[in-house]
Amino acid sequence: MIKTIGVLGAGQMGNGIAHVFSQYGYQVVLFDIAAPQLEKAVNTISQNLERQAKKGAIPEALVGETMGRIKTTQEMADLAGVDFAVEAVTEHEPLKLEIFRKLDGIVKEGAILASNTSSIPITKIASVTKRPDKVIGMHFMNPVPVMKLVEVIRGHATSDETFACTSELVAKLEKQKAVSQDYPGFIVNRILIPMINEAVFALYEGIASVEDIDKGMKLGTNQPMGPLTLADFIGLDTVLAIANVLYDGFKDPKYRPCPLLVKMVNAGYMGRKSGRGFYTY
């Protein structure tokens, strides 16, 4: 029986994951090494819940109840008692492997360890633990409280029991699961990142302006936002990191990141979060 959820990383994805689990009645322990990040996460969750209540999406009483179920900590040892942990730190493989190695030694036997990675192989993450059968991919979409999809990725050793338990959690959060094999990028990013990268190539090669590329894809293919706007929203550093995972994982030149994307990230143009990307914010 899953009652307590550990969330590692209080950034954009981590606070959203903590939000939904707490909203649906789970006790949440939210871990981050940085106190300001935890403070920001709590404020963000509170604001998002208030917004949901104003729209009538949730009852007003649920705001306080949800906030009351979230405990924050800067000590990973405080995750010892959780039944299920979701890692949502930066998309950086060495960091994720280090966290899973540590986490495996902290959480109780039988607890499931999930990663919100959008591209790094679950089999590789599981290999640094002593419980590879209990490791699974649980990739939420951004913004987590709004988006209905969770990609569920089985590693080579993930057990049927771990898969069933994770699938049940997705359903309890009133979300839909899409099941992917454990190959770089899974489903969504395997298709999405090459599309964004191709849009950057179209700009790099002078085919069209930023505005016209976005307009073409938004109005021509009925996407809610154009690929360059979406890249800014995701973060250009994240887009580049996933493009590199695809390129390294498949060794196929079709996944080669556009030189313009590399240059922008090197210049510190990360998109919305830095105030400048393909657009200025």
C-alpha atoms as a PDB file:
ATOM      1  CA  MET A   1       0.000   0.000   0.000  1.00  0.00           C
ATOM      2  CA  ILE A   2       1.541   3.297  -1.119  1.00  0.00           C
ATOM      3  CA  LYS A   3       0.926   6.092   1.376  1.00  0.00           C
ATOM      4  CA  THR A   4       4.089   8.230   1.457  1.00  0.00           C
ATOM      5  CA  ILE A   5       5.858   9.621  -1.603  1.00  0.00           C
ATOM      6  CA  GLY A   6       9.386  11.003  -1.692  1.00  0.00           C
ATOM      7  CA  VAL A   7      10.144  13.603  -4.374  1.00  0.00           C
ATOM      8  CA  LEU A   8      13.789  14.453  -5.067  1.00  0.00           C
ATOM      9  CA  GLY A   9      14.341  17.871  -6.604  1.00  0.00           C
ATOM     10  CA  ALA A  10      12.105  20.888  -5.954  1.00  0.00           C
ATOM     11  CA  GLY A  11      12.424  22.522  -9.381  1.00  0.00           C
ATOM     12  CA  GLN A  12       9.711  22.990 -11.989  1.00  0.00           C
ATOM     13  CA  MET A  13       8.994  19.256 -12.359  1.00  0.00           C
ATOM     14  CA  GLY A  14       9.562  18.280  -8.727  1.00  0.00           C
ATOM     15  CA  ASN A  15       7.157  20.854  -7.311  1.00  0.00           C
ATOM     16  CA  GLY A  16       4.502  19.792  -9.842  1.00  0.00           C
ATOM     17  CA  ILE A  17       4.935  16.109  -8.935  1.00  0.00           C
ATOM     18  CA  ALA A  18       4.748  16.925  -5.207  1.00  0.00           C
ATOM     19  CA  HIS A  19       1.623  19.029  -5.900  1.00  0.00           C
ATOM     20  CA  VAL A  20      -0.344  16.253  -7.654  1.00  0.00           C
ATOM     21  CA  PHE A  21       0.572  13.473  -5.226  1.00  0.00           C
ATOM     22  CA  SER A  22      -0.384  15.621  -2.234  1.00  0.00           C
ATOM     23  CA  GLN A  23      -3.580  16.811  -3.942  1.00  0.00           C
ATOM     24  CA  TYR A  24      -4.649  13.183  -4.339  1.00  0.00           C
ATOM     25  CA  GLY A  25      -4.143  12.363  -0.653  1.00  0.00           C
ATOM     26  CA  TYR A  26      -0.558  11.119  -0.423  1.00  0.00           C
ATOM     27  CA  GLN A  27       1.878  12.289   2.254  1.00  0.00           C
ATOM     28  CA  VAL A  28       4.825  13.894   0.422  1.00  0.00           C
ATOM     29  CA  VAL A  29       8.427  14.406   1.532  1.00  0.00           C
ATOM     30  CA  LEU A  30       9.998  16.939  -0.856  1.00  0.00           C
ATOM     31  CA  PHE A  31      13.800  16.909  -0.840  1.00  0.00           C
ATOM     32  CA  ASP A  32      16.232  19.441  -2.295  1.00  0.00           C
ATOM     33  CA  ILE A  33      19.744  20.450  -1.251  1.00  0.00           C
ATOM     34  CA  ALA A  34      18.870  24.175  -1.587  1.00  0.00           C
ATOM     35  CA  ALA A  35      16.599  25.841   0.993  1.00  0.00           C
ATOM     36  CA  PRO A  36      15.583  28.737  -1.364  1.00  0.00           C
ATOM     37  CA  GLN A  37      14.478  26.165  -3.969  1.00  0.00           C
ATOM     38  CA  LEU A  38      12.269  24.417  -1.402  1.00  0.00           C
ATOM     39  CA  GLU A  39      10.760  27.740  -0.321  1.00  0.00           C
ATOM     40  CA  LYS A  40      10.068  28.674  -3.941  1.00  0.00           C
ATOM     41  CA  ALA A  41       8.494  25.245  -4.579  1.00  0.00           C
ATOM     42  CA  VAL A  42       6.107  25.579  -1.622  1.00  0.00           C
ATOM     43  CA  ASN A  43       5.053  29.062  -2.796  1.00  0.00           C
ATOM     44  CA  THR A  44       4.532  27.813  -6.359  1.00  0.00           C
ATOM     45  CA  ILE A  45       2.403  24.859  -5.213  1.00  0.00           C
ATOM     46  CA  SER A  46       0.322  27.150  -3.003  1.00  0.00           C
ATOM     47  CA  GLN A  47      -0.246  29.665  -5.844  1.00  0.00           C
ATOM     48  CA  ASN A  48      -1.156  26.912  -8.317  1.00  0.00           C
ATOM     49  CA  LEU A  49      -3.640  25.367  -5.874  1.00  0.00           C
ATOM     50  CA  GLU A  50      -5.231  28.792  -5.257  1.00  0.00           C
ATOM     51  CA  ARG A  51      -5.544  29.224  -9.032  1.00  0.00           C
ATOM     52  CA  GLN A  52      -7.222  25.804  -9.335  1.00  0.00           C
ATOM     53  CA  ALA A  53      -9.654  26.721  -6.534  1.00  0.00           C
ATOM     54  CA  LYS A  54     -10.525  30.100  -8.133  1.00  0.00           C
ATOM     55  CA  LYS A  55     -11.325  28.324 -11.408  1.00  0.00           C
ATOM     56  CA  GLY A  56     -13.536  25.858  -9.518  1.00  0.00           C
ATOM     57  CA  ALA A  57     -11.307  22.926 -10.471  1.00  0.00           C
ATOM     58  CA  ILE A  58     -10.842  21.946  -6.801  1.00  0.00           C
ATOM     59  CA  PRO A  59     -12.737  22.862  -3.595  1.00  0.00           C
ATOM     60  CA  GLU A  60     -11.201  25.718  -1.561  1.00  0.00           C
ATOM     61  CA  ALA A  61     -10.756  23.404   1.471  1.00  0.00           C
ATOM     62  CA  LEU A  62      -8.410  21.180  -0.555  1.00  0.00           C
ATOM     63  CA  VAL A  63      -5.791  23.965  -0.771  1.00  0.00           C
ATOM     64  CA  GLY A  64      -4.942  23.857   2.944  1.00  0.00           C
ATOM     65  CA  GLU A  65      -5.280  20.068   3.130  1.00  0.00           C
ATOM     66  CA  THR A  66      -2.879  19.598   0.220  1.00  0.00           C
ATOM     67  CA  MET A  67      -0.286  22.001   1.647  1.00  0.00           C
ATOM     68  CA  GLY A  68      -0.555  20.222   5.014  1.00  0.00           C
ATOM     69  CA  ARG A  69       0.519  16.920   3.450  1.00  0.00           C
ATOM     70  CA  ILE A  70       3.837  18.306   2.122  1.00  0.00           C
ATOM     71  CA  LYS A  71       6.963  18.186   4.276  1.00  0.00           C
ATOM     72  CA  THR A  72      10.212  19.684   2.939  1.00  0.00           C
ATOM     73  CA  THR A  73      13.746  18.603   3.808  1.00  0.00           C
ATOM     74  CA  GLN A  74      17.373  19.191   2.854  1.00  0.00           C
ATOM     75  CA  GLU A  75      18.382  15.783   4.234  1.00  0.00           C
ATOM     76  CA  MET A  76      18.021  12.768   1.938  1.00  0.00           C
ATOM     77  CA  ALA A  77      17.956  10.575   5.064  1.00  0.00           C
ATOM     78  CA  ASP A  78      14.427  11.917   5.740  1.00  0.00           C
ATOM     79  CA  LEU A  79      13.211   9.819   2.786  1.00  0.00           C
ATOM     80  CA  ALA A  80      13.966   6.583   4.682  1.00  0.00           C
ATOM     81  CA  GLY A  81      10.299   5.829   5.368  1.00  0.00           C
ATOM     82  CA  VAL A  82       8.763   6.545   1.952  1.00  0.00           C
ATOM     83  CA  ASP A  83       6.927   3.789   0.037  1.00  0.00           C
ATOM     84  CA  PHE A  84       7.659   5.237  -3.393  1.00  0.00           C
ATOM     85  CA  ALA A  85      10.263   7.801  -4.489  1.00  0.00           C
ATOM     86  CA  VAL A  86      10.293   9.935  -7.647  1.00  0.00           C
ATOM     87  CA  GLU A  87      13.582  11.548  -8.694  1.00  0.00           C
ATOM     88  CA  ALA A  88      13.125  14.819 -10.597  1.00  0.00           C
ATOM     89  CA  VAL A  89      16.562  16.448 -10.632  1.00  0.00           C
ATOM     90  CA  THR A  90      18.390  17.996 -13.617  1.00  0.00           C
ATOM     91  CA  GLU A  91      18.646  15.834 -16.755  1.00  0.00           C
ATOM     92  CA  HIS A  92      22.290  15.000 -16.068  1.00  0.00           C
ATOM     93  CA  GLU A  93      23.217  11.319 -16.047  1.00  0.00           C
ATOM     94  CA  PRO A  94      26.109  11.304 -13.494  1.00  0.00           C
ATOM     95  CA  LEU A  95      23.939  13.241 -11.009  1.00  0.00           C
ATOM     96  CA  LYS A  96      20.987  10.861 -11.423  1.00  0.00           C
ATOM     97  CA  LEU A  97      23.211   7.797 -10.979  1.00  0.00           C
ATOM     98  CA  GLU A  98      24.744   9.270  -7.828  1.00  0.00           C
ATOM     99  CA  ILE A  99      21.288  10.036  -6.396  1.00  0.00           C
ATOM    100  CA  PHE A 100      19.952   6.535  -7.090  1.00  0.00           C
ATOM    101  CA  ARG A 101      23.043   4.964  -5.547  1.00  0.00           C
ATOM    102  CA  LYS A 102      22.513   7.028  -2.354  1.00  0.00           C
ATOM    103  CA  LEU A 103      18.724   6.673  -2.343  1.00  0.00           C
ATOM    104  CA  ASP A 104      18.955   2.888  -2.644  1.00  0.00           C
ATOM    105  CA  GLY A 105      20.944   2.803   0.604  1.00  0.00           C
ATOM    106  CA  ILE A 106      18.461   5.063   2.423  1.00  0.00           C
ATOM    107  CA  VAL A 107      14.897   4.004   1.556  1.00  0.00           C
ATOM    108  CA  LYS A 108      13.374   0.911   3.094  1.00  0.00           C
ATOM    109  CA  GLU A 109      13.464  -2.487   1.448  1.00  0.00           C
ATOM    110  CA  GLY A 110      10.537  -2.950  -0.929  1.00  0.00           C
ATOM    111  CA  ALA A 111      10.162   0.759  -1.753  1.00  0.00           C
ATOM    112  CA  ILE A 112       9.943   1.580  -5.469  1.00  0.00           C
ATOM    113  CA  LEU A 113      12.380   4.083  -7.001  1.00  0.00           C
ATOM    114  CA  ALA A 114      11.093   5.984 -10.039  1.00  0.00           C
ATOM    115  CA  SER A 115      12.855   8.492 -12.269  1.00  0.00           C
ATOM    116  CA  ASN A 116      11.159  11.394 -14.017  1.00  0.00           C
ATOM    117  CA  THR A 117      13.951  11.340 -16.611  1.00  0.00           C
ATOM    118  CA  SER A 118      12.814  12.297 -20.093  1.00  0.00           C
ATOM    119  CA  SER A 119      15.596  10.473 -21.928  1.00  0.00           C
ATOM    120  CA  ILE A 120      18.185   8.611 -19.793  1.00  0.00           C
ATOM    121  CA  PRO A 121      17.886   4.788 -19.899  1.00  0.00           C
ATOM    122  CA  ILE A 122      16.089   3.329 -16.867  1.00  0.00           C
ATOM    123  CA  THR A 123      18.153   0.135 -17.152  1.00  0.00           C
ATOM    124  CA  LYS A 124      21.326   2.169 -16.624  1.00  0.00           C
ATOM    125  CA  ILE A 125      19.834   4.020 -13.630  1.00  0.00           C
ATOM    126  CA  ALA A 126      18.616   0.723 -12.113  1.00  0.00           C
ATOM    127  CA  SER A 127      22.057  -0.868 -12.489  1.00  0.00           C
ATOM    128  CA  VAL A 128      23.579   1.293  -9.727  1.00  0.00           C
ATOM    129  CA  THR A 129      21.007   0.021  -7.182  1.00  0.00           C
ATOM    130  CA  LYS A 130      20.618  -3.299  -5.378  1.00  0.00           C
ATOM    131  CA  ARG A 131      16.930  -3.361  -6.363  1.00  0.00           C
ATOM    132  CA  PRO A 132      16.816  -3.104 -10.193  1.00  0.00           C
ATOM    133  CA  ASP A 133      13.434  -4.902 -10.167  1.00  0.00           C
ATOM    134  CA  LYS A 134      12.028  -1.961  -8.144  1.00  0.00           C
ATOM    135  CA  VAL A 135      13.277   0.800 -10.491  1.00  0.00           C
ATOM    136  CA  ILE A 136      11.007   2.304 -13.164  1.00  0.00           C
ATOM    137  CA  GLY A 137      10.623   5.393 -15.338  1.00  0.00           C
ATOM    138  CA  MET A 138       7.715   7.703 -14.513  1.00  0.00           C
ATOM    139  CA  HIS A 139       8.030  10.661 -16.878  1.00  0.00           C
ATOM    140  CA  PHE A 140       5.506  13.413 -16.088  1.00  0.00           C
ATOM    141  CA  MET A 141       4.791  16.183 -18.591  1.00  0.00           C
ATOM    142  CA  ASN A 142       5.191  19.893 -17.826  1.00  0.00           C
ATOM    143  CA  PRO A 143       3.199  21.564 -16.228  1.00  0.00           C
ATOM    144  CA  VAL A 144       2.467  18.469 -14.139  1.00  0.00           C
ATOM    145  CA  PRO A 145      -0.862  19.552 -12.540  1.00  0.00           C
ATOM    146  CA  VAL A 146      -2.325  20.300 -16.008  1.00  0.00           C
ATOM    147  CA  MET A 147      -0.871  17.663 -18.349  1.00  0.00           C
ATOM    148  CA  LYS A 148      -2.680  14.329 -18.401  1.00  0.00           C
ATOM    149  CA  LEU A 149       0.115  12.068 -19.672  1.00  0.00           C
ATOM    150  CA  VAL A 150       2.715  10.039 -17.780  1.00  0.00           C
ATOM    151  CA  GLU A 151       5.174   7.935 -19.763  1.00  0.00           C
ATOM    152  CA  VAL A 152       5.900   4.702 -17.906  1.00  0.00           C
ATOM    153  CA  ILE A 153       9.187   3.036 -18.865  1.00  0.00           C
ATOM    154  CA  ARG A 154      10.215  -0.450 -17.773  1.00  0.00           C
ATOM    155  CA  GLY A 155      13.919  -1.069 -17.336  1.00  0.00           C
ATOM    156  CA  HIS A 156      15.390  -4.441 -18.349  1.00  0.00           C
ATOM    157  CA  ALA A 157      14.845  -5.830 -14.828  1.00  0.00           C
ATOM    158  CA  THR A 158      11.653  -3.939 -13.775  1.00  0.00           C
ATOM    159  CA  SER A 159       9.226  -6.460 -12.240  1.00  0.00           C
ATOM    160  CA  ASP A 160       5.565  -6.899 -13.206  1.00  0.00           C
ATOM    161  CA  GLU A 161       4.654  -5.938  -9.627  1.00  0.00           C
ATOM    162  CA  THR A 162       6.588  -2.621  -9.866  1.00  0.00           C
ATOM    163  CA  PHE A 163       4.966  -1.875 -13.229  1.00  0.00           C
ATOM    164  CA  ALA A 164       1.456  -2.662 -11.904  1.00  0.00           C
ATOM    165  CA  CYS A 165       1.980  -0.529  -8.781  1.00  0.00           C
ATOM    166  CA  THR A 166       3.246   2.453 -10.851  1.00  0.00           C
ATOM    167  CA  SER A 167       0.368   2.089 -13.335  1.00  0.00           C
ATOM    168  CA  GLU A 168      -2.091   2.143 -10.430  1.00  0.00           C
ATOM    169  CA  LEU A 169      -0.523   5.352  -9.085  1.00  0.00           C
ATOM    170  CA  VAL A 170      -0.864   7.037 -12.509  1.00  0.00           C
ATOM    171  CA  ALA A 171      -4.575   6.131 -12.541  1.00  0.00           C
ATOM    172  CA  LYS A 172      -5.066   7.408  -8.962  1.00  0.00           C
ATOM    173  CA  LEU A 173      -3.639  10.788 -10.052  1.00  0.00           C
ATOM    174  CA  GLU A 174      -6.329  10.778 -12.798  1.00  0.00           C
ATOM    175  CA  LYS A 175      -3.672  10.698 -15.505  1.00  0.00           C
ATOM    176  CA  GLN A 176      -3.190   8.464 -18.550  1.00  0.00           C
ATOM    177  CA  LYS A 177      -0.145   6.275 -19.057  1.00  0.00           C
ATOM    178  CA  ALA A 178       1.735   5.629 -22.288  1.00  0.00           C
ATOM    179  CA  VAL A 179       4.090   2.656 -21.975  1.00  0.00           C
ATOM    180  CA  SER A 180       7.485   2.890 -23.662  1.00  0.00           C
ATOM    181  CA  GLN A 181      10.384   0.523 -24.201  1.00  0.00           C
ATOM    182  CA  ASP A 182      13.631   1.649 -22.574  1.00  0.00           C
ATOM    183  CA  TYR A 183      15.382   3.328 -25.500  1.00  0.00           C
ATOM    184  CA  PRO A 184      16.752   6.924 -25.600  1.00  0.00           C
ATOM    185  CA  GLY A 185      14.018   9.585 -25.561  1.00  0.00           C
ATOM    186  CA  PHE A 186      11.229   7.028 -24.963  1.00  0.00           C
ATOM    187  CA  ILE A 187       8.127   8.100 -26.976  1.00  0.00           C
ATOM    188  CA  VAL A 188       7.512  11.814 -26.539  1.00  0.00           C
ATOM    189  CA  ASN A 189      11.054  13.174 -26.706  1.00  0.00           C
ATOM    190  CA  ARG A 190      12.117  10.693 -29.395  1.00  0.00           C
ATOM    191  CA  ILE A 191       9.610  12.502 -31.649  1.00  0.00           C
ATOM    192  CA  LEU A 192       9.443  15.990 -30.099  1.00  0.00           C
ATOM    193  CA  ILE A 193      13.145  16.887 -29.730  1.00  0.00           C
ATOM    194  CA  PRO A 194      14.079  16.106 -33.374  1.00  0.00           C
ATOM    195  CA  MET A 195      11.099  18.289 -34.424  1.00  0.00           C
ATOM    196  CA  ILE A 196      12.338  21.202 -32.268  1.00  0.00           C
ATOM    197  CA  ASN A 197      15.905  20.636 -33.497  1.00  0.00           C
ATOM    198  CA  GLU A 198      14.677  20.728 -37.127  1.00  0.00           C
ATOM    199  CA  ALA A 199      12.893  24.022 -36.400  1.00  0.00           C
ATOM    200  CA  VAL A 200      16.209  25.424 -35.083  1.00  0.00           C
ATOM    201  CA  PHE A 201      17.935  24.180 -38.273  1.00  0.00           C
ATOM    202  CA  ALA A 202      15.253  25.988 -40.345  1.00  0.00           C
ATOM    203  CA  LEU A 203      16.154  29.208 -38.506  1.00  0.00           C
ATOM    204  CA  TYR A 204      19.918  28.514 -38.710  1.00  0.00           C
ATOM    205  CA  GLU A 205      19.700  27.970 -42.469  1.00  0.00           C
ATOM    206  CA  GLY A 206      17.714  31.175 -42.959  1.00  0.00           C
ATOM    207  CA  ILE A 207      14.586  29.427 -44.233  1.00  0.00           C
ATOM    208  CA  ALA A 208      12.267  31.597 -42.120  1.00  0.00           C
ATOM    209  CA  SER A 209      12.096  33.887 -39.094  1.00  0.00           C
ATOM    210  CA  VAL A 210      11.403  32.654 -35.556  1.00  0.00           C
ATOM    211  CA  GLU A 211       7.854  34.047 -35.761  1.00  0.00           C
ATOM    212  CA  ASP A 212       7.081  32.456 -39.137  1.00  0.00           C
ATOM    213  CA  ILE A 213       8.458  29.039 -38.128  1.00  0.00           C
ATOM    214  CA  ASP A 214       6.243  29.077 -35.038  1.00  0.00           C
ATOM    215  CA  LYS A 215       3.238  30.434 -36.946  1.00  0.00           C
ATOM    216  CA  GLY A 216       3.671  27.779 -39.638  1.00  0.00           C
ATOM    217  CA  MET A 217       3.670  24.893 -37.166  1.00  0.00           C
ATOM    218  CA  LYS A 218       1.041  26.362 -34.839  1.00  0.00           C
ATOM    219  CA  LEU A 219      -1.529  27.242 -37.484  1.00  0.00           C
ATOM    220  CA  GLY A 220      -0.449  24.692 -40.101  1.00  0.00           C
ATOM    221  CA  THR A 221      -0.411  21.615 -37.857  1.00  0.00           C
ATOM    222  CA  ASN A 222      -2.733  22.805 -35.056  1.00  0.00           C
ATOM    223  CA  GLN A 223      -0.131  22.654 -32.280  1.00  0.00           C
ATOM    224  CA  PRO A 224      -0.910  24.796 -29.195  1.00  0.00           C
ATOM    225  CA  MET A 225       2.466  26.551 -29.477  1.00  0.00           C
ATOM    226  CA  GLY A 226       5.211  26.681 -32.086  1.00  0.00           C
ATOM    227  CA  PRO A 227       8.380  24.560 -31.652  1.00  0.00           C
ATOM    228  CA  LEU A 228      10.686  27.526 -30.851  1.00  0.00           C
ATOM    229  CA  THR A 229       8.254  28.890 -28.240  1.00  0.00           C
ATOM    230  CA  LEU A 230       8.074  25.376 -26.812  1.00  0.00           C
ATOM    231  CA  ALA A 231      11.889  25.119 -26.760  1.00  0.00           C
ATOM    232  CA  ASP A 232      12.050  28.348 -24.722  1.00  0.00           C
ATOM    233  CA  PHE A 233       9.390  26.960 -22.378  1.00  0.00           C
ATOM    234  CA  ILE A 234      11.239  23.645 -21.862  1.00  0.00           C
ATOM    235  CA  GLY A 235      14.655  25.353 -21.550  1.00  0.00           C
ATOM    236  CA  LEU A 236      17.209  25.277 -24.362  1.00  0.00           C
ATOM    237  CA  ASP A 237      19.765  23.553 -22.114  1.00  0.00           C
ATOM    238  CA  THR A 238      17.263  20.728 -21.492  1.00  0.00           C
ATOM    239  CA  VAL A 239      16.447  20.475 -25.208  1.00  0.00           C
ATOM    240  CA  LEU A 240      20.178  20.239 -25.984  1.00  0.00           C
ATOM    241  CA  ALA A 241      20.781  17.667 -23.223  1.00  0.00           C
ATOM    242  CA  ILE A 242      18.034  15.408 -24.602  1.00  0.00           C
ATOM    243  CA  ALA A 243      19.245  15.915 -28.201  1.00  0.00           C
ATOM    244  CA  ASN A 244      22.707  14.783 -27.061  1.00  0.00           C
ATOM    245  CA  VAL A 245      21.235  11.710 -25.323  1.00  0.00           C
ATOM    246  CA  LEU A 246      19.469  10.765 -28.600  1.00  0.00           C
ATOM    247  CA  TYR A 247      22.607  11.419 -30.661  1.00  0.00           C
ATOM    248  CA  ASP A 248      24.883   9.470 -28.294  1.00  0.00           C
ATOM    249  CA  GLY A 249      22.342   6.681 -27.763  1.00  0.00           C
ATOM    250  CA  PHE A 250      21.596   5.922 -31.411  1.00  0.00           C
ATOM    251  CA  LYS A 251      24.841   7.156 -33.034  1.00  0.00           C
ATOM    252  CA  ASP A 252      22.633   8.332 -35.903  1.00  0.00           C
ATOM    253  CA  PRO A 253      23.519  11.694 -37.561  1.00  0.00           C
ATOM    254  CA  LYS A 254      19.825  12.569 -37.904  1.00  0.00           C
ATOM    255  CA  TYR A 255      19.844  13.393 -34.176  1.00  0.00           C
ATOM    256  CA  ARG A 256      22.812  15.818 -34.416  1.00  0.00           C
ATOM    257  CA  PRO A 257      22.000  18.965 -32.384  1.00  0.00           C
ATOM    258  CA  CYS A 258      21.854  22.145 -34.486  1.00  0.00           C
ATOM    259  CA  PRO A 259      25.019  24.295 -34.047  1.00  0.00           C
ATOM    260  CA  LEU A 260      22.775  27.324 -33.373  1.00  0.00           C
ATOM    261  CA  LEU A 261      21.156  25.519 -30.422  1.00  0.00           C
ATOM    262  CA  VAL A 262      24.618  24.679 -29.025  1.00  0.00           C
ATOM    263  CA  LYS A 263      25.769  28.284 -29.479  1.00  0.00           C
ATOM    264  CA  MET A 264      22.698  29.738 -27.739  1.00  0.00           C
ATOM    265  CA  VAL A 265      23.129  27.452 -24.734  1.00  0.00           C
ATOM    266  CA  ASN A 266      26.830  28.366 -24.553  1.00  0.00           C
ATOM    267  CA  ALA A 267      25.784  32.042 -24.546  1.00  0.00           C
ATOM    268  CA  GLY A 268      23.465  31.442 -21.587  1.00  0.00           C
ATOM    269  CA  TYR A 269      20.264  31.891 -23.629  1.00  0.00           C
ATOM    270  CA  MET A 270      18.190  29.194 -21.945  1.00  0.00           C
ATOM    271  CA  GLY A 271      14.702  30.437 -22.824  1.00  0.00           C
ATOM    272  CA  ARG A 272      12.054  31.666 -20.414  1.00  0.00           C
ATOM    273  CA  LYS A 273      13.994  30.818 -17.255  1.00  0.00           C
ATOM    274  CA  SER A 274      16.942  33.042 -18.250  1.00  0.00           C
ATOM    275  CA  GLY A 275      14.771  35.764 -19.836  1.00  0.00           C
ATOM    276  CA  ARG A 276      16.199  35.180 -23.293  1.00  0.00           C
ATOM    277  CA  GLY A 277      15.989  32.380 -25.841  1.00  0.00           C
ATOM    278  CA  PHE A 278      14.458  32.521 -29.302  1.00  0.00           C
ATOM    279  CA  TYR A 279      12.269  35.244 -27.771  1.00  0.00           C
ATOM    280  CA  THR A 280      12.984  37.855 -25.073  1.00  0.00           C
ATOM    281  CA  TYR A 281      10.951  37.607 -21.858  1.00  0.00           C
END
